[in-house]
Amino acid sequence: MAGEGGRRPLAFVITPGQWGDAPQLIPVLEQIRVLRPAGGHPRTRADHLGGDKAYSSRRNRRHLRRRQIKDTIPEPRNQRANRQRSGSKGGRPTRFDREMYRRRNAVERTINRLKTFRAVATRYDKRAYVFHGTVTVASIRLWLRT
């Protein structure tokens, strides 16, 4: 799920519970469409992305660099050790802004706001496309509420 600072959802992907978070980052980013106040094409690129260590992968970092999206994703110890072991071929360390990292809980707060809707919190829907509709309606209600 991608959320904006005001705890409102921007985009989400419904996946089985056992799937990892890192492979879902790119599909979620591709769904972001933010309308411009003056009209024209919607924005499709986030200014900044904050995430936890689960989103730290070469594929994700390469995609963010290519789309020129600044990120604050900590580098796990094993990735840091592998990079340092490779020496100069390992590349430079990833930049990390502690202040921005503290704000990454905006997505967690967005998920918690969605879970105030009982149908989202308990997932009564058996089929993924029905649950997707439920989350979409809950997201619309959150956007209309504020």
Protein backbone atom coordinates (compact mmCIF):
# COMPACT_ATOMS: atom_id res chain seq x y z
CA MET A 1 0.00 0.00 0.00
CA ALA A 2 1.10 3.52 -0.74
CA GLY A 3 -0.25 6.33 1.39
CA GLU A 4 0.22 10.05 1.54
CA GLY A 5 1.23 12.00 4.62
CA GLY A 6 -2.35 12.74 5.62
CA ARG A 7 -3.01 9.03 6.22
CA ARG A 8 -5.06 8.50 3.08
CA PRO A 9 -4.42 5.59 0.71
CA LEU A 10 -3.07 6.31 -2.77
CA ALA A 11 -2.67 2.80 -4.18
CA PHE A 12 -2.76 -0.79 -3.00
CA VAL A 13 -2.30 -4.34 -4.25
CA ILE A 14 -4.15 -7.31 -2.74
CA THR A 15 -1.88 -10.35 -2.35
CA PRO A 16 -1.95 -13.64 -0.45
CA GLY A 17 -0.70 -13.40 3.11
CA GLN A 18 2.43 -15.47 2.52
CA TRP A 19 3.78 -13.21 -0.24
CA GLY A 20 6.65 -10.89 0.61
CA ASP A 21 6.47 -7.11 0.63
CA ALA A 22 9.50 -6.31 -1.52
CA PRO A 23 8.19 -7.76 -4.83
CA GLN A 24 4.98 -5.72 -4.47
CA LEU A 25 6.66 -2.31 -4.28
CA ILE A 26 6.90 -1.74 -8.04
CA PRO A 27 3.27 -2.75 -8.82
CA VAL A 28 2.04 -0.41 -6.07
CA LEU A 29 4.15 2.50 -7.35
CA GLU A 30 2.83 1.93 -10.89
CA GLN A 31 -0.75 2.37 -9.64
CA ILE A 32 -0.22 5.82 -8.12
CA ARG A 33 -2.20 8.53 -9.93
CA VAL A 34 -2.61 11.92 -8.25
CA LEU A 35 -4.71 14.53 -10.04
CA ARG A 36 -3.21 17.98 -10.41
CA PRO A 37 -5.25 20.96 -9.14
CA ALA A 38 -4.83 22.85 -12.42
CA GLY A 39 -5.71 19.83 -14.58
CA GLY A 40 -3.50 18.01 -17.03
CA HIS A 41 -1.92 14.60 -16.72
CA PRO A 42 -1.99 13.07 -13.24
CA ARG A 43 1.25 12.72 -11.30
CA THR A 44 2.59 9.19 -11.36
CA ARG A 45 5.86 9.68 -9.50
CA ALA A 46 6.17 10.01 -5.75
CA ASP A 47 8.47 12.67 -4.32
CA HIS A 48 9.81 10.42 -1.60
CA LEU A 49 9.39 6.83 -0.50
CA GLY A 50 9.93 5.59 3.03
CA GLY A 51 10.00 1.93 3.91
CA ASP A 52 11.46 -0.61 6.27
CA LYS A 53 14.24 -3.11 5.61
CA ALA A 54 11.85 -5.51 3.86
CA TYR A 55 11.82 -3.20 0.81
CA SER A 56 15.60 -3.09 0.47
CA SER A 57 16.47 -5.04 -2.65
CA ARG A 58 18.58 -4.32 -5.71
CA ARG A 59 15.52 -4.49 -7.94
CA ASN A 60 13.57 -1.96 -5.87
CA ARG A 61 16.49 0.44 -5.48
CA ARG A 62 17.25 0.25 -9.22
CA HIS A 63 13.60 1.02 -10.04
CA LEU A 64 13.52 3.99 -7.63
CA ARG A 65 16.76 5.37 -9.08
CA ARG A 66 15.47 5.00 -12.63
CA ARG A 67 12.22 6.85 -11.75
CA GLN A 68 14.19 9.47 -9.75
CA ILE A 69 12.29 8.80 -6.53
CA LYS A 70 14.19 9.64 -3.35
CA ASP A 71 13.99 6.91 -0.76
CA THR A 72 14.67 6.29 2.88
CA ILE A 73 15.05 2.54 3.17
CA PRO A 74 17.60 1.19 5.65
CA GLU A 75 20.16 -1.28 4.39
CA PRO A 76 20.03 -4.64 6.21
CA ARG A 77 23.23 -5.84 7.87
CA ASN A 78 23.74 -8.75 5.48
CA GLN A 79 23.46 -6.47 2.42
CA ARG A 80 25.84 -3.97 4.00
CA ALA A 81 28.35 -6.74 4.79
CA ASN A 82 28.16 -8.12 1.23
CA ARG A 83 28.66 -4.65 -0.22
CA GLN A 84 31.66 -3.97 2.02
CA ARG A 85 33.16 -7.38 1.25
CA SER A 86 33.03 -6.55 -2.48
CA GLY A 87 35.13 -3.45 -1.91
CA SER A 88 34.85 -0.74 -4.54
CA LYS A 89 32.77 -3.05 -6.77
CA GLY A 90 30.11 -3.18 -4.08
CA GLY A 91 29.00 0.36 -4.80
CA ARG A 92 28.55 3.26 -2.49
CA PRO A 93 26.45 3.12 0.67
CA THR A 94 22.79 4.01 0.38
CA ARG A 95 21.81 7.39 1.76
CA PHE A 96 19.70 7.32 4.88
CA ASP A 97 17.81 10.19 6.49
CA ARG A 98 16.82 9.39 10.09
CA GLU A 99 14.26 12.19 10.25
CA MET A 100 12.42 10.95 7.16
CA TYR A 101 12.61 7.36 8.43
CA ARG A 102 10.72 8.36 11.56
CA ARG A 103 7.82 9.47 9.36
CA ARG A 104 7.43 6.12 7.60
CA ASN A 105 4.71 5.11 10.03
CA ALA A 106 2.25 7.11 7.89
CA VAL A 107 1.54 3.93 5.92
CA GLU A 108 0.96 1.96 9.12
CA ARG A 109 -1.48 4.64 10.27
CA THR A 110 -3.23 4.48 6.89
CA ILE A 111 -3.63 0.71 7.23
CA ASN A 112 -5.00 1.16 10.75
CA ARG A 113 -7.52 3.72 9.49
CA LEU A 114 -8.65 1.24 6.83
CA LYS A 115 -9.01 -1.42 9.50
CA THR A 116 -11.59 0.69 11.31
CA PHE A 117 -13.94 -0.73 8.68
CA ARG A 118 -14.92 -4.16 9.98
CA ALA A 119 -15.09 -5.76 6.52
CA VAL A 120 -11.48 -4.74 5.85
CA ALA A 121 -10.17 -5.74 9.28
CA THR A 122 -11.68 -9.24 9.27
CA ARG A 123 -11.69 -9.90 5.51
CA TYR A 124 -15.02 -11.64 5.24
CA ASP A 125 -14.66 -11.77 1.44
CA LYS A 126 -13.36 -15.04 0.07
CA ARG A 127 -12.36 -13.81 -3.38
CA ALA A 128 -9.52 -11.34 -3.87
CA TYR A 129 -11.42 -9.19 -6.39
CA VAL A 130 -14.33 -8.78 -3.95
CA PHE A 131 -11.93 -7.81 -1.14
CA HIS A 132 -10.25 -5.37 -3.55
CA GLY A 133 -13.63 -3.71 -4.02
CA THR A 134 -14.17 -3.58 -0.26
CA VAL A 135 -10.81 -1.88 0.29
CA THR A 136 -11.53 0.51 -2.61
CA VAL A 137 -14.85 1.57 -1.06
CA ALA A 138 -13.18 2.00 2.35
CA SER A 139 -10.43 4.11 0.73
CA ILE A 140 -13.00 6.32 -0.99
CA ARG A 141 -14.78 6.83 2.33
CA LEU A 142 -11.49 7.87 3.95
CA TRP A 143 -10.84 10.39 1.17
CA LEU A 144 -14.36 11.80 1.48
CA ARG A 145 -14.15 12.01 5.26
CA THR A 146 -11.24 14.46 5.24
